[in-house]
Amino acid sequence: MVTQYSFDSIVFGSVFAACFLFFMVLAAYLRSPGAKGRAGERRVRARLQRIFKKTNAQILNDLTLPSQGGTTQIDHIVVCNTGIFVIETKNMSG
């Protein structure tokens, strides 16, 4: 006996499988170190902007500079009347 599937059930099954796969890939990405690092950098950037909002400070974010071995990346530099601050962001729990 051959089972026949309706077009609707095939479409529903395909859409369900595609959504499931999408959310699994998204969950894996959000748990990756790169995604966590970028989220931490965004939070620090927002906090620095709030802290220095009413000052003449200049905030530089995500700078890539040439170095001897290639390039180096600096997360944040704050230039204000009290000094120059270089901030490296780490998004770690614990």
C-alpha atoms as a PDB file:
ATOM      1  CA  MET A   1       0.000   0.000   0.000  1.00  0.00           C
ATOM      2  CA  VAL A   2       1.391   3.373  -1.042  1.00  0.00           C
ATOM      3  CA  THR A   3       0.811   6.315   1.261  1.00  0.00           C
ATOM      4  CA  GLN A   4      -0.114   9.546  -0.473  1.00  0.00           C
ATOM      5  CA  TYR A   5       0.707  12.873   1.121  1.00  0.00           C
ATOM      6  CA  SER A   6      -1.197  16.020   0.384  1.00  0.00           C
ATOM      7  CA  PHE A   7       0.562  19.037  -1.041  1.00  0.00           C
ATOM      8  CA  ASP A   8      -0.232  20.995   2.151  1.00  0.00           C
ATOM      9  CA  SER A   9       1.463  18.472   4.416  1.00  0.00           C
ATOM     10  CA  ILE A  10       4.567  18.428   2.200  1.00  0.00           C
ATOM     11  CA  VAL A  11       4.753  22.235   2.222  1.00  0.00           C
ATOM     12  CA  PHE A  12       4.166  22.373   5.986  1.00  0.00           C
ATOM     13  CA  GLY A  13       6.852  19.750   6.597  1.00  0.00           C
ATOM     14  CA  SER A  14       9.332  21.597   4.389  1.00  0.00           C
ATOM     15  CA  VAL A  15       8.639  24.948   6.054  1.00  0.00           C
ATOM     16  CA  PHE A  16       8.893  23.376   9.508  1.00  0.00           C
ATOM     17  CA  ALA A  17      12.221  21.730   8.625  1.00  0.00           C
ATOM     18  CA  ALA A  18      13.605  24.973   7.184  1.00  0.00           C
ATOM     19  CA  CYS A  19      12.554  26.966  10.283  1.00  0.00           C
ATOM     20  CA  PHE A  20      14.009  24.349  12.602  1.00  0.00           C
ATOM     21  CA  LEU A  21      17.313  24.391  10.711  1.00  0.00           C
ATOM     22  CA  PHE A  22      17.386  28.202  10.710  1.00  0.00           C
ATOM     23  CA  PHE A  23      16.880  28.414  14.482  1.00  0.00           C
ATOM     24  CA  MET A  24      19.491  25.732  15.145  1.00  0.00           C
ATOM     25  CA  VAL A  25      22.063  27.633  13.072  1.00  0.00           C
ATOM     26  CA  LEU A  26      21.067  30.914  14.760  1.00  0.00           C
ATOM     27  CA  ALA A  27      21.424  29.369  18.226  1.00  0.00           C
ATOM     28  CA  ALA A  28      24.873  28.007  17.348  1.00  0.00           C
ATOM     29  CA  TYR A  29      25.941  31.405  16.009  1.00  0.00           C
ATOM     30  CA  LEU A  30      24.710  33.296  19.083  1.00  0.00           C
ATOM     31  CA  ARG A  31      26.725  30.950  21.318  1.00  0.00           C
ATOM     32  CA  SER A  32      29.904  31.452  19.276  1.00  0.00           C
ATOM     33  CA  PRO A  33      32.777  33.454  20.806  1.00  0.00           C
ATOM     34  CA  GLY A  34      32.703  35.956  17.929  1.00  0.00           C
ATOM     35  CA  ALA A  35      29.027  36.794  18.423  1.00  0.00           C
ATOM     36  CA  LYS A  36      29.482  37.075  22.196  1.00  0.00           C
ATOM     37  CA  GLY A  37      32.484  39.369  21.679  1.00  0.00           C
ATOM     38  CA  ARG A  38      30.598  41.663  19.301  1.00  0.00           C
ATOM     39  CA  ALA A  39      27.670  41.847  21.735  1.00  0.00           C
ATOM     40  CA  GLY A  40      30.040  42.823  24.554  1.00  0.00           C
ATOM     41  CA  GLU A  41      31.672  45.484  22.396  1.00  0.00           C
ATOM     42  CA  ARG A  42      28.260  46.953  21.498  1.00  0.00           C
ATOM     43  CA  ARG A  43      27.335  47.194  25.202  1.00  0.00           C
ATOM     44  CA  VAL A  44      30.626  48.881  26.090  1.00  0.00           C
ATOM     45  CA  ARG A  45      30.279  51.287  23.137  1.00  0.00           C
ATOM     46  CA  ALA A  46      26.774  52.273  24.280  1.00  0.00           C
ATOM     47  CA  ARG A  47      27.943  52.736  27.872  1.00  0.00           C
ATOM     48  CA  LEU A  48      30.888  54.910  26.814  1.00  0.00           C
ATOM     49  CA  GLN A  49      28.599  57.067  24.672  1.00  0.00           C
ATOM     50  CA  ARG A  50      26.269  57.596  27.656  1.00  0.00           C
ATOM     51  CA  ILE A  51      29.141  58.366  30.051  1.00  0.00           C
ATOM     52  CA  PHE A  52      30.835  60.884  27.759  1.00  0.00           C
ATOM     53  CA  LYS A  53      27.666  62.306  26.165  1.00  0.00           C
ATOM     54  CA  LYS A  54      28.001  65.805  27.636  1.00  0.00           C
ATOM     55  CA  THR A  55      31.776  66.116  27.301  1.00  0.00           C
ATOM     56  CA  ASN A  56      34.160  66.928  24.489  1.00  0.00           C
ATOM     57  CA  ALA A  57      35.546  63.388  24.550  1.00  0.00           C
ATOM     58  CA  GLN A  58      36.098  61.573  21.283  1.00  0.00           C
ATOM     59  CA  ILE A  59      35.280  57.865  21.259  1.00  0.00           C
ATOM     60  CA  LEU A  60      36.802  55.678  18.568  1.00  0.00           C
ATOM     61  CA  ASN A  61      35.514  52.124  18.205  1.00  0.00           C
ATOM     62  CA  ASP A  62      36.758  49.008  16.434  1.00  0.00           C
ATOM     63  CA  LEU A  63      40.010  50.318  15.013  1.00  0.00           C
ATOM     64  CA  THR A  64      42.288  48.161  12.880  1.00  0.00           C
ATOM     65  CA  LEU A  65      45.887  49.371  12.827  1.00  0.00           C
ATOM     66  CA  PRO A  66      48.921  48.063  10.938  1.00  0.00           C
ATOM     67  CA  SER A  67      51.516  46.256  13.054  1.00  0.00           C
ATOM     68  CA  GLN A  68      54.709  44.294  12.437  1.00  0.00           C
ATOM     69  CA  GLY A  69      52.942  40.965  11.942  1.00  0.00           C
ATOM     70  CA  GLY A  70      50.014  42.344   9.939  1.00  0.00           C
ATOM     71  CA  THR A  71      47.283  44.239  11.783  1.00  0.00           C
ATOM     72  CA  THR A  72      45.959  44.672  15.294  1.00  0.00           C
ATOM     73  CA  GLN A  73      42.435  45.507  16.396  1.00  0.00           C
ATOM     74  CA  ILE A  74      41.577  47.917  19.232  1.00  0.00           C
ATOM     75  CA  ASP A  75      38.036  47.831  20.594  1.00  0.00           C
ATOM     76  CA  HIS A  76      37.729  51.375  22.016  1.00  0.00           C
ATOM     77  CA  ILE A  77      39.838  54.506  22.431  1.00  0.00           C
ATOM     78  CA  VAL A  78      38.551  57.433  24.487  1.00  0.00           C
ATOM     79  CA  VAL A  79      40.336  60.758  24.016  1.00  0.00           C
ATOM     80  CA  CYS A  80      39.345  63.357  26.606  1.00  0.00           C
ATOM     81  CA  ASN A  81      40.873  66.246  28.549  1.00  0.00           C
ATOM     82  CA  THR A  82      42.152  63.902  31.295  1.00  0.00           C
ATOM     83  CA  GLY A  83      43.949  61.484  28.982  1.00  0.00           C
ATOM     84  CA  ILE A  84      43.773  58.817  26.321  1.00  0.00           C
ATOM     85  CA  PHE A  85      42.231  55.505  27.343  1.00  0.00           C
ATOM     86  CA  VAL A  86      42.532  52.286  25.349  1.00  0.00           C
ATOM     87  CA  ILE A  87      39.867  49.721  26.255  1.00  0.00           C
ATOM     88  CA  GLU A  88      39.930  46.063  25.263  1.00  0.00           C
ATOM     89  CA  THR A  89      36.526  44.395  25.718  1.00  0.00           C
ATOM     90  CA  LYS A  90      36.151  40.808  26.904  1.00  0.00           C
ATOM     91  CA  ASN A  91      32.655  39.346  27.210  1.00  0.00           C
ATOM     92  CA  MET A  92      33.070  36.585  29.782  1.00  0.00           C
ATOM     93  CA  SER A  93      30.827  35.218  32.471  1.00  0.00           C
ATOM     94  CA  GLY A  94      31.869  34.468  36.015  1.00  0.00           C
END
